[in-house]
C-alpha atoms as a PDB file:
ATOM      1  CA  MET A   1       0.729   0.320   0.394  1.00  0.00           C
ATOM      2  CA  GLN A   2       2.583   2.321   1.053  1.00  0.00           C
ATOM      3  CA  GLU A   3       4.280   1.803  -1.996  1.00  0.00           C
ATOM      4  CA  ILE A   4       1.273   2.821  -4.405  1.00  0.00           C
ATOM      5  CA  LEU A   5       0.972   5.510  -2.584  1.00  0.00           C
ATOM      6  CA  THR A   6       4.636   6.747  -3.247  1.00  0.00           C
ATOM      7  CA  VAL A   7       3.619   6.227  -7.016  1.00  0.00           C
ATOM      8  CA  ILE A   8       0.502   7.578  -6.750  1.00  0.00           C
ATOM      9  CA  THR A   9       2.120  11.109  -4.835  1.00  0.00           C
ATOM     10  CA  TYR A  10       4.941  11.078  -7.754  1.00  0.00           C
ATOM     11  CA  LEU A  11       1.778  11.532 -10.701  1.00  0.00           C
ATOM     12  CA  VAL A  12       0.163  13.305  -9.014  1.00  0.00           C
ATOM     13  CA  VAL A  13       3.039  16.254  -8.014  1.00  0.00           C
ATOM     14  CA  TRP A  14       4.526  16.041 -11.712  1.00  0.00           C
ATOM     15  CA  LEU A  15       1.224  16.135 -13.493  1.00  0.00           C
ATOM     16  CA  ILE A  16       0.823  19.086 -11.104  1.00  0.00           C
ATOM     17  CA  CYS A  17       4.278  20.400 -11.877  1.00  0.00           C
ATOM     18  CA  ARG A  18       3.991  20.134 -15.793  1.00  0.00           C
ATOM     19  CA  LYS A  19       0.127  21.716 -15.963  1.00  0.00           C
ATOM     20  CA  VAL A  20      -1.073  23.241 -12.807  1.00  0.00           C
ATOM     21  CA  VAL A  21       2.182  25.727 -12.598  1.00  0.00           C
ATOM     22  CA  GLU A  22       2.909  25.341 -15.502  1.00  0.00           C
ATOM     23  CA  ILE A  23       7.228  24.399 -14.595  1.00  0.00           C
ATOM     24  CA  GLN A  24       9.064  23.576 -18.368  1.00  0.00           C
ATOM     25  CA  SER A  25      12.166  22.426 -17.361  1.00  0.00           C
ATOM     26  CA  GLY A  26      12.469  18.544 -16.436  1.00  0.00           C
ATOM     27  CA  LEU A  27      14.760  18.249 -13.735  1.00  0.00           C
ATOM     28  CA  VAL A  28      12.701  20.749 -11.915  1.00  0.00           C
ATOM     29  CA  THR A  29       9.774  18.556 -12.352  1.00  0.00           C
ATOM     30  CA  LEU A  30      11.147  15.530 -11.165  1.00  0.00           C
ATOM     31  CA  ILE A  31      13.071  17.108  -8.383  1.00  0.00           C
ATOM     32  CA  ILE A  32      10.010  18.129  -6.597  1.00  0.00           C
ATOM     33  CA  SER A  33       7.743  15.200  -8.288  1.00  0.00           C
ATOM     34  CA  LEU A  34      10.918  12.351  -6.415  1.00  0.00           C
ATOM     35  CA  GLY A  35      10.789  14.805  -3.152  1.00  0.00           C
ATOM     36  CA  ALA A  36       7.312  14.641  -2.731  1.00  0.00           C
ATOM     37  CA  ALA A  37       6.611  11.020  -3.232  1.00  0.00           C
ATOM     38  CA  VAL A  38       9.261   9.956  -0.879  1.00  0.00           C
ATOM     39  CA  SER A  39       8.126  12.380   1.678  1.00  0.00           C
ATOM     40  CA  VAL A  40       5.587  10.409   1.670  1.00  0.00           C
ATOM     41  CA  TYR A  41       7.400   7.318   1.416  1.00  0.00           C
ATOM     42  CA  VAL A  42       9.049   8.501   4.694  1.00  0.00           C
ATOM     43  CA  LEU A  43       5.772   9.170   6.926  1.00  0.00           C
ATOM     44  CA  PHE A  44       3.402   6.369   6.421  1.00  0.00           C
ATOM     45  CA  ALA A  45       7.633   4.274   7.311  1.00  0.00           C
ATOM     46  CA  ALA A  46       7.565   6.396  10.471  1.00  0.00           C
ATOM     47  CA  LYS A  47       3.924   5.342  10.591  1.00  0.00           C
ATOM     48  CA  GLY A  48       3.882   2.098  10.778  1.00  0.00           C
ATOM     49  CA  HIS A  49       7.242   1.992  13.133  1.00  0.00           C
ATOM     50  CA  GLN A  50       5.024   4.439  15.427  1.00  0.00           C
ATOM     51  CA  ASP A  51       2.023   2.142  15.215  1.00  0.00           C
ATOM     52  CA  LYS A  52       4.013  -1.364  15.648  1.00  0.00           C
ATOM     53  CA  LYS A  53       6.246   0.158  18.074  1.00  0.00           C
ATOM     54  CA  ASN A  54       2.459   0.986  20.148  1.00  0.00           C
ATOM     55  CA  ASP A  55       1.536  -2.383  19.596  1.00  0.00           C
ATOM     56  CA  ASP A  56       4.415  -4.407  20.809  1.00  0.00           C
ATOM     57  CA  GLY A  57       4.249  -1.935  24.048  1.00  0.00           C
END
C-alpha cells in the first residue's frame, strides 16, 4: 500500500507541476515529484514504525 501511494503521489505532483504550475524544466519537475514521493514514503514508514512500536509495548 505504501509503495502504491508513493507512485500515485509522484504522478499527481508531476502532473500538477506540468499542467497547473506549468514548470517547463524537466529536472525541476523530477526533483519536486521525487521529493514529494519520498516524503510520503518516509511519513508512512515512520507512522507504521510508530504503530508497530505501540502494539509491542
